[in-house]
Amino acid sequence: MQQDPISTADLYDQHGEALQSVSVQFQDFGGRLSFHGPARTVKCHEDNGLIKEILSFPGNGSVLVVDGGGSLRFALMGDMIAASAEINGWAGVIIYGAVRDRAALAELELGIKALGSNPRKTVKRSHGAVDEVLSLGDVKVRPGAMVYADIDGILIEH
């Protein structure tokens, strides 16, 4: 699903405090550096079973926001799960945790932001919660809230 690029700086200038700016410093890993869409949320710790399941369904331009607790011990997404997200029409994935397969992720037409990378894969027990309010640093992310991301950062609507 092709999107026109957005500028988070311009959006913030236009809408100000109607948008929350995520201060956590994420890195870009996907081939799409600017992406936006309504949030779906997952909270999981060192277990990517729910992420794999959700991204295997049509995303319809949504952004999956994952609270992985900031853990860098295991990668919550790799090339196979990310390719599934691309095929299923997700705009992007934001992971408060790690990814792996960086070279392959960079080739995908998918926005991917994460804290870092680690080649170690997770267990898949599908423990966690879906579509609940999450926190990215001091910003709350509610399911359905618009998410805007580019190389400058991430904005979330109140």
Protein backbone atom coordinates (compact mmCIF):
# COMPACT_ATOMS: atom_id res chain seq x y z
CA MET A 1 0.00 0.00 0.00
CA GLN A 2 1.75 3.15 -1.24
CA GLN A 3 1.61 6.29 0.92
CA ASP A 4 2.62 9.86 0.25
CA PRO A 5 5.49 10.88 2.53
CA ILE A 6 4.62 13.05 5.52
CA SER A 7 6.77 15.37 7.58
CA THR A 8 6.33 15.00 11.33
CA ALA A 9 7.95 18.42 11.84
CA ASP A 10 5.38 20.08 9.55
CA LEU A 11 2.53 18.16 11.17
CA TYR A 12 3.64 19.27 14.62
CA ASP A 13 3.92 22.88 13.41
CA GLN A 14 0.34 22.68 12.10
CA HIS A 15 -1.30 20.80 14.98
CA GLY A 16 0.94 21.43 18.00
CA GLU A 17 -0.28 19.94 21.26
CA ALA A 18 -3.00 17.92 19.51
CA LEU A 19 -0.11 15.55 18.74
CA GLN A 20 2.17 13.87 21.26
CA SER A 21 5.83 13.59 20.31
CA VAL A 22 7.55 10.34 21.32
CA SER A 23 10.90 11.23 22.92
CA VAL A 24 12.25 7.66 22.86
CA GLN A 25 14.92 7.52 20.15
CA PHE A 26 14.00 4.82 17.62
CA GLN A 27 16.11 3.70 14.66
CA ASP A 28 14.74 3.19 11.14
CA PHE A 29 15.02 -0.34 9.72
CA GLY A 30 12.43 -0.59 6.93
CA GLY A 31 12.57 0.54 3.33
CA ARG A 32 9.79 3.08 3.95
CA LEU A 33 11.09 5.98 6.06
CA SER A 34 7.79 7.89 6.24
CA PHE A 35 4.59 6.11 7.23
CA HIS A 36 1.30 6.71 9.01
CA GLY A 37 -1.95 5.02 9.90
CA PRO A 38 -4.24 4.07 12.75
CA ALA A 39 -2.58 2.20 15.61
CA ARG A 40 -3.03 -1.41 16.54
CA THR A 41 -1.22 -2.29 19.75
CA VAL A 42 0.50 -5.32 21.23
CA LYS A 43 2.23 -5.65 24.58
CA CYS A 44 4.59 -8.61 24.85
CA HIS A 45 7.90 -9.39 26.49
CA GLU A 46 10.51 -11.43 24.62
CA ASP A 47 7.72 -13.35 22.85
CA ASN A 48 6.63 -12.48 19.31
CA GLY A 49 3.78 -14.97 18.84
CA LEU A 50 1.09 -12.27 18.94
CA ILE A 51 3.06 -10.02 16.58
CA LYS A 52 3.37 -12.83 14.03
CA GLU A 53 -0.34 -13.61 14.32
CA ILE A 54 -1.58 -10.02 13.96
CA LEU A 55 0.68 -9.18 11.02
CA SER A 56 -0.55 -12.27 9.16
CA PHE A 57 -3.96 -10.56 8.78
CA PRO A 58 -4.82 -7.58 6.55
CA GLY A 59 -3.49 -4.36 8.04
CA ASN A 60 -5.41 -1.96 5.79
CA GLY A 61 -2.74 0.71 6.22
CA SER A 62 -2.48 0.40 10.01
CA VAL A 63 0.65 0.75 12.12
CA LEU A 64 1.38 -1.97 14.68
CA VAL A 65 2.83 -0.44 17.84
CA VAL A 66 4.58 -3.02 20.02
CA ASP A 67 5.56 -2.51 23.64
CA GLY A 68 8.35 -5.04 24.08
CA GLY A 69 9.40 -3.48 27.36
CA GLY A 70 12.50 -2.02 25.74
CA SER A 71 14.21 -5.43 25.82
CA LEU A 72 17.08 -5.86 23.38
CA ARG A 73 17.75 -9.47 24.47
CA PHE A 74 15.60 -11.00 21.69
CA ALA A 75 14.38 -9.78 18.29
CA LEU A 76 10.60 -9.37 18.21
CA MET A 77 10.48 -9.22 14.40
CA GLY A 78 12.62 -10.53 11.57
CA ASP A 79 12.41 -10.70 7.80
CA MET A 80 9.68 -13.35 7.55
CA ILE A 81 7.21 -11.62 9.87
CA ALA A 82 8.00 -8.22 8.31
CA ALA A 83 7.48 -9.62 4.79
CA SER A 84 4.09 -10.92 5.94
CA ALA A 85 3.22 -7.42 7.19
CA GLU A 86 4.22 -5.90 3.84
CA ILE A 87 2.15 -8.44 1.87
CA ASN A 88 -0.85 -7.88 4.16
CA GLY A 89 -0.92 -4.11 3.67
CA TRP A 90 0.46 -2.78 6.96
CA ALA A 91 1.94 0.73 6.74
CA GLY A 92 4.49 0.08 9.44
CA VAL A 93 5.60 -1.47 12.69
CA ILE A 94 7.06 0.38 15.68
CA ILE A 95 8.78 -1.89 18.21
CA TYR A 96 9.89 -0.78 21.66
CA GLY A 97 12.45 -3.57 21.51
CA ALA A 98 14.70 -5.23 18.92
CA VAL A 99 14.43 -6.58 15.37
CA ARG A 100 16.75 -8.77 13.29
CA ASP A 101 17.57 -9.38 9.61
CA ARG A 102 18.37 -5.69 9.08
CA ALA A 103 19.51 -6.03 5.46
CA ALA A 104 16.29 -7.80 4.44
CA LEU A 105 14.10 -5.36 6.41
CA ALA A 106 15.66 -2.43 4.53
CA GLU A 107 14.46 -3.94 1.23
CA LEU A 108 10.79 -4.04 2.27
CA GLU A 109 8.22 -1.37 1.42
CA LEU A 110 7.29 -1.19 5.09
CA GLY A 111 8.02 1.37 7.78
CA ILE A 112 9.93 -0.24 10.65
CA LYS A 113 11.19 1.53 13.75
CA ALA A 114 12.80 -0.24 16.70
CA LEU A 115 15.32 0.46 19.44
CA GLY A 116 18.01 -1.80 17.98
CA SER A 117 18.77 -5.22 16.61
CA ASN A 118 19.77 -8.63 17.92
CA PRO A 119 20.09 -11.87 15.87
CA ARG A 120 18.58 -13.92 18.72
CA LYS A 121 14.98 -14.99 18.00
CA THR A 122 12.21 -15.14 20.59
CA VAL A 123 10.00 -17.86 21.88
CA LYS A 124 6.47 -17.99 20.46
CA ARG A 125 4.08 -18.59 23.34
CA SER A 126 1.73 -15.76 22.30
CA HIS A 127 1.76 -14.28 25.80
CA GLY A 128 0.75 -10.65 26.00
CA ALA A 129 -2.13 -8.28 25.33
CA VAL A 130 -3.64 -6.92 22.11
CA ASP A 131 -5.37 -3.57 21.48
CA GLU A 132 -4.78 -2.07 24.90
CA VAL A 133 -3.42 1.40 25.68
CA LEU A 134 0.40 1.32 25.65
CA SER A 135 3.11 3.73 26.71
CA LEU A 136 6.07 4.69 24.53
CA GLY A 137 8.14 6.63 27.02
CA ASP A 138 5.78 9.27 28.35
CA VAL A 139 3.32 9.03 25.42
CA LYS A 140 0.15 6.95 25.59
CA VAL A 141 -0.86 5.05 22.44
CA ARG A 142 -4.47 3.99 22.25
CA PRO A 143 -5.75 1.58 19.61
CA GLY A 144 -7.10 3.53 16.64
CA ALA A 145 -5.04 6.68 17.36
CA MET A 146 -3.29 8.05 14.29
CA VAL A 147 0.45 7.41 14.22
CA TYR A 148 2.79 9.50 12.07
CA ALA A 149 6.45 8.50 11.67
CA ASP A 150 9.40 9.66 9.63
CA ILE A 151 13.14 10.13 10.07
CA ASP A 152 12.54 12.96 12.56
CA GLY A 153 10.47 10.86 14.94
CA ILE A 154 7.01 9.65 15.89
CA LEU A 155 3.83 11.62 16.59
CA ILE A 156 0.70 10.14 18.14
CA GLU A 157 -2.67 11.87 18.18
CA HIS A 158 -4.23 12.43 21.62
